[in-house]
Amino acid sequence: MSDKLHLVFGGELESAASTKFVDTDAIDIVGIYPSYETTYDAWKAAAQGSVDDAQMRYFIAHLHRLIGEKREKPDDAALSQ
């Protein structure tokens, strides 16, 4: 299994030009995939399934970027501000 995990999710947006969901409780979690190729295929299938609804949008989140990044420890000066 690859360490390049991706998440496909989507839902109804407030407008076609927005990225704000109408109802976050109704977000469709399509799945988590181990390669970009399988992620893209899942995204495309979900997006094509909602093609008649202009406010329905699906996204790909690159989970490997979130879990693979090293976070720097904040210095004490930044904490005291």
N, C-alpha and C. Protein backbone atom coordinates (compact mmCIF):
# COMPACT_ATOMS: atom_id res chain seq x y z
N MET A 1 0.85 -1.19 0.00
CA MET A 1 0.00 0.00 0.00
C MET A 1 0.88 1.24 0.00
N SER A 2 0.48 2.21 -0.76
CA SER A 2 1.22 3.45 -0.88
C SER A 2 1.01 4.34 0.35
N ASP A 3 1.95 5.24 0.59
CA ASP A 3 1.78 6.19 1.68
C ASP A 3 1.21 7.50 1.17
N LYS A 4 0.73 7.54 -0.05
CA LYS A 4 0.15 8.74 -0.64
C LYS A 4 -1.38 8.66 -0.55
N LEU A 5 -1.90 8.78 0.66
CA LEU A 5 -3.33 8.67 0.87
C LEU A 5 -4.07 9.93 0.43
N HIS A 6 -5.24 9.71 -0.18
CA HIS A 6 -6.09 10.80 -0.64
C HIS A 6 -7.53 10.53 -0.19
N LEU A 7 -8.26 11.60 0.10
CA LEU A 7 -9.66 11.53 0.50
C LEU A 7 -10.52 12.18 -0.58
N VAL A 8 -11.61 11.52 -0.94
CA VAL A 8 -12.59 12.09 -1.86
C VAL A 8 -13.86 12.37 -1.07
N PHE A 9 -14.32 13.63 -1.14
CA PHE A 9 -15.53 14.00 -0.42
C PHE A 9 -16.25 15.10 -1.20
N GLY A 10 -17.51 15.29 -0.89
CA GLY A 10 -18.25 16.33 -1.58
C GLY A 10 -19.59 16.59 -0.93
N GLY A 11 -20.29 17.55 -1.51
CA GLY A 11 -21.60 17.91 -1.00
C GLY A 11 -22.14 19.11 -1.72
N GLU A 12 -23.30 19.54 -1.26
CA GLU A 12 -23.95 20.70 -1.88
C GLU A 12 -23.32 21.98 -1.35
N LEU A 13 -22.96 22.86 -2.26
CA LEU A 13 -22.35 24.14 -1.90
C LEU A 13 -23.41 25.24 -1.90
N GLU A 14 -23.12 26.33 -1.18
CA GLU A 14 -24.05 27.45 -1.13
C GLU A 14 -24.29 28.06 -2.51
N SER A 15 -23.26 28.07 -3.34
CA SER A 15 -23.39 28.52 -4.73
C SER A 15 -22.32 27.82 -5.55
N ALA A 16 -22.47 27.85 -6.85
CA ALA A 16 -21.50 27.20 -7.73
C ALA A 16 -20.12 27.84 -7.64
N ALA A 17 -20.05 29.11 -7.19
CA ALA A 17 -18.78 29.82 -7.07
C ALA A 17 -18.18 29.73 -5.67
N SER A 18 -18.82 29.00 -4.79
CA SER A 18 -18.41 28.92 -3.38
C SER A 18 -17.76 27.58 -3.07
N THR A 19 -17.07 27.52 -1.95
CA THR A 19 -16.60 26.24 -1.43
C THR A 19 -17.16 26.00 -0.03
N LYS A 20 -18.21 26.74 0.32
CA LYS A 20 -18.86 26.58 1.62
C LYS A 20 -20.04 25.63 1.46
N PHE A 21 -20.06 24.57 2.28
CA PHE A 21 -21.12 23.57 2.20
C PHE A 21 -22.41 24.08 2.82
N VAL A 22 -23.54 23.70 2.23
CA VAL A 22 -24.85 24.04 2.76
C VAL A 22 -25.05 23.35 4.10
N ASP A 23 -24.71 22.07 4.18
CA ASP A 23 -24.92 21.27 5.40
C ASP A 23 -23.73 20.34 5.59
N THR A 24 -22.86 20.69 6.53
CA THR A 24 -21.66 19.86 6.74
C THR A 24 -22.00 18.47 7.27
N ASP A 25 -23.17 18.31 7.88
CA ASP A 25 -23.59 16.97 8.34
C ASP A 25 -23.94 16.06 7.17
N ALA A 26 -24.19 16.65 6.01
CA ALA A 26 -24.59 15.87 4.83
C ALA A 26 -23.43 15.66 3.84
N ILE A 27 -22.20 15.95 4.25
CA ILE A 27 -21.07 15.76 3.34
C ILE A 27 -20.93 14.28 3.01
N ASP A 28 -20.76 14.00 1.75
CA ASP A 28 -20.59 12.64 1.24
C ASP A 28 -19.10 12.28 1.28
N ILE A 29 -18.74 11.35 2.14
CA ILE A 29 -17.37 10.85 2.20
C ILE A 29 -17.31 9.64 1.26
N VAL A 30 -16.69 9.84 0.12
CA VAL A 30 -16.63 8.77 -0.88
C VAL A 30 -15.65 7.69 -0.44
N GLY A 31 -14.46 8.11 0.05
CA GLY A 31 -13.49 7.13 0.52
C GLY A 31 -12.08 7.67 0.57
N ILE A 32 -11.19 6.84 1.10
CA ILE A 32 -9.76 7.14 1.17
C ILE A 32 -9.05 6.13 0.27
N TYR A 33 -8.13 6.64 -0.54
CA TYR A 33 -7.49 5.80 -1.56
C TYR A 33 -5.97 5.89 -1.48
N PRO A 34 -5.28 4.80 -1.83
CA PRO A 34 -3.83 4.74 -1.67
C PRO A 34 -3.01 5.29 -2.83
N SER A 35 -3.64 5.66 -3.92
CA SER A 35 -2.89 6.22 -5.05
C SER A 35 -3.73 7.30 -5.71
N TYR A 36 -3.07 8.21 -6.39
CA TYR A 36 -3.82 9.28 -7.04
C TYR A 36 -4.70 8.73 -8.16
N GLU A 37 -4.23 7.72 -8.85
CA GLU A 37 -5.02 7.15 -9.94
C GLU A 37 -6.37 6.63 -9.44
N THR A 38 -6.38 5.85 -8.37
CA THR A 38 -7.64 5.33 -7.83
C THR A 38 -8.48 6.45 -7.23
N THR A 39 -7.83 7.45 -6.66
CA THR A 39 -8.53 8.61 -6.11
C THR A 39 -9.24 9.36 -7.22
N TYR A 40 -8.53 9.62 -8.30
CA TYR A 40 -9.11 10.35 -9.43
C TYR A 40 -10.31 9.61 -10.00
N ASP A 41 -10.19 8.29 -10.12
CA ASP A 41 -11.30 7.49 -10.65
C ASP A 41 -12.53 7.61 -9.75
N ALA A 42 -12.33 7.57 -8.43
CA ALA A 42 -13.45 7.70 -7.48
C ALA A 42 -14.04 9.10 -7.54
N TRP A 43 -13.19 10.12 -7.61
CA TRP A 43 -13.65 11.51 -7.72
C TRP A 43 -14.48 11.71 -8.99
N LYS A 44 -13.97 11.20 -10.09
CA LYS A 44 -14.65 11.36 -11.38
C LYS A 44 -16.02 10.68 -11.37
N ALA A 45 -16.09 9.50 -10.81
CA ALA A 45 -17.38 8.79 -10.74
C ALA A 45 -18.37 9.55 -9.88
N ALA A 46 -17.93 10.07 -8.74
CA ALA A 46 -18.82 10.83 -7.86
C ALA A 46 -19.26 12.13 -8.54
N ALA A 47 -18.32 12.82 -9.16
CA ALA A 47 -18.63 14.09 -9.82
C ALA A 47 -19.59 13.87 -10.99
N GLN A 48 -19.37 12.84 -11.77
CA GLN A 48 -20.24 12.57 -12.90
C GLN A 48 -21.63 12.14 -12.45
N GLY A 49 -21.70 11.54 -11.26
CA GLY A 49 -23.01 11.14 -10.73
C GLY A 49 -23.86 12.31 -10.28
N SER A 50 -23.24 13.46 -10.10
CA SER A 50 -23.97 14.64 -9.65
C SER A 50 -23.91 15.77 -10.69
N VAL A 51 -23.66 15.43 -11.93
CA VAL A 51 -23.44 16.43 -12.98
C VAL A 51 -24.67 17.32 -13.21
N ASP A 52 -25.85 16.85 -12.90
CA ASP A 52 -27.07 17.65 -13.12
C ASP A 52 -27.31 18.68 -12.03
N ASP A 53 -26.54 18.63 -10.95
CA ASP A 53 -26.69 19.57 -9.83
C ASP A 53 -25.47 20.48 -9.79
N ALA A 54 -25.62 21.71 -10.28
CA ALA A 54 -24.49 22.64 -10.39
C ALA A 54 -23.87 23.01 -9.05
N GLN A 55 -24.62 22.84 -7.97
CA GLN A 55 -24.10 23.22 -6.65
C GLN A 55 -23.51 22.04 -5.89
N MET A 56 -23.52 20.88 -6.50
CA MET A 56 -22.90 19.70 -5.90
C MET A 56 -21.48 19.62 -6.40
N ARG A 57 -20.52 19.49 -5.50
CA ARG A 57 -19.12 19.49 -5.91
C ARG A 57 -18.35 18.46 -5.09
N TYR A 58 -17.41 17.79 -5.74
CA TYR A 58 -16.54 16.82 -5.07
C TYR A 58 -15.10 17.31 -5.11
N PHE A 59 -14.36 16.95 -4.09
CA PHE A 59 -12.98 17.42 -3.91
C PHE A 59 -12.06 16.24 -3.61
N ILE A 60 -10.77 16.46 -3.87
CA ILE A 60 -9.72 15.52 -3.48
C ILE A 60 -8.86 16.23 -2.46
N ALA A 61 -8.70 15.59 -1.30
CA ALA A 61 -7.80 16.11 -0.26
C ALA A 61 -6.58 15.20 -0.20
N HIS A 62 -5.42 15.80 -0.22
CA HIS A 62 -4.16 15.06 -0.18
C HIS A 62 -3.78 14.79 1.27
N LEU A 63 -4.30 13.70 1.82
CA LEU A 63 -4.05 13.38 3.23
C LEU A 63 -2.58 13.16 3.52
N HIS A 64 -1.85 12.62 2.56
CA HIS A 64 -0.44 12.35 2.77
C HIS A 64 0.33 13.63 3.07
N ARG A 65 -0.14 14.75 2.55
CA ARG A 65 0.52 16.03 2.83
C ARG A 65 0.24 16.48 4.27
N LEU A 66 -0.95 16.18 4.76
CA LEU A 66 -1.30 16.58 6.13
C LEU A 66 -0.60 15.74 7.18
N ILE A 67 -0.52 14.44 6.94
CA ILE A 67 0.06 13.57 7.96
C ILE A 67 1.57 13.41 7.82
N GLY A 68 2.12 13.82 6.68
CA GLY A 68 3.55 13.66 6.45
C GLY A 68 4.38 14.87 6.80
N GLU A 69 3.71 16.01 6.96
CA GLU A 69 4.45 17.23 7.25
C GLU A 69 4.89 17.26 8.71
N LYS A 70 6.11 17.71 8.90
CA LYS A 70 6.60 17.89 10.26
C LYS A 70 6.22 19.28 10.72
N ARG A 71 5.65 19.36 11.89
CA ARG A 71 5.25 20.65 12.42
C ARG A 71 6.34 21.18 13.33
N GLU A 72 6.63 22.46 13.15
CA GLU A 72 7.64 23.07 13.99
C GLU A 72 7.05 23.43 15.33
N LYS A 73 7.84 23.24 16.36
CA LYS A 73 7.41 23.59 17.70
C LYS A 73 7.50 25.11 17.85
N PRO A 74 6.41 25.76 18.30
CA PRO A 74 6.47 27.22 18.44
C PRO A 74 7.47 27.63 19.51
N ASP A 75 8.13 28.76 19.28
CA ASP A 75 9.09 29.21 20.29
C ASP A 75 8.33 29.90 21.43
N ASP A 76 9.01 30.05 22.56
CA ASP A 76 8.40 30.62 23.75
C ASP A 76 7.96 32.06 23.54
N ALA A 77 8.65 32.83 22.73
CA ALA A 77 8.30 34.22 22.48
C ALA A 77 6.95 34.34 21.79
N ALA A 78 6.69 33.43 20.87
CA ALA A 78 5.42 33.45 20.16
C ALA A 78 4.27 33.11 21.08
N LEU A 79 4.52 32.25 22.06
CA LEU A 79 3.47 31.84 22.97
C LEU A 79 3.09 32.94 23.95
N SER A 80 4.02 33.83 24.27
CA SER A 80 3.76 34.86 25.28
C SER A 80 3.05 36.09 24.70
N GLN A 81 2.85 36.15 23.41
CA GLN A 81 2.21 37.33 22.79
C GLN A 81 0.73 37.30 22.94
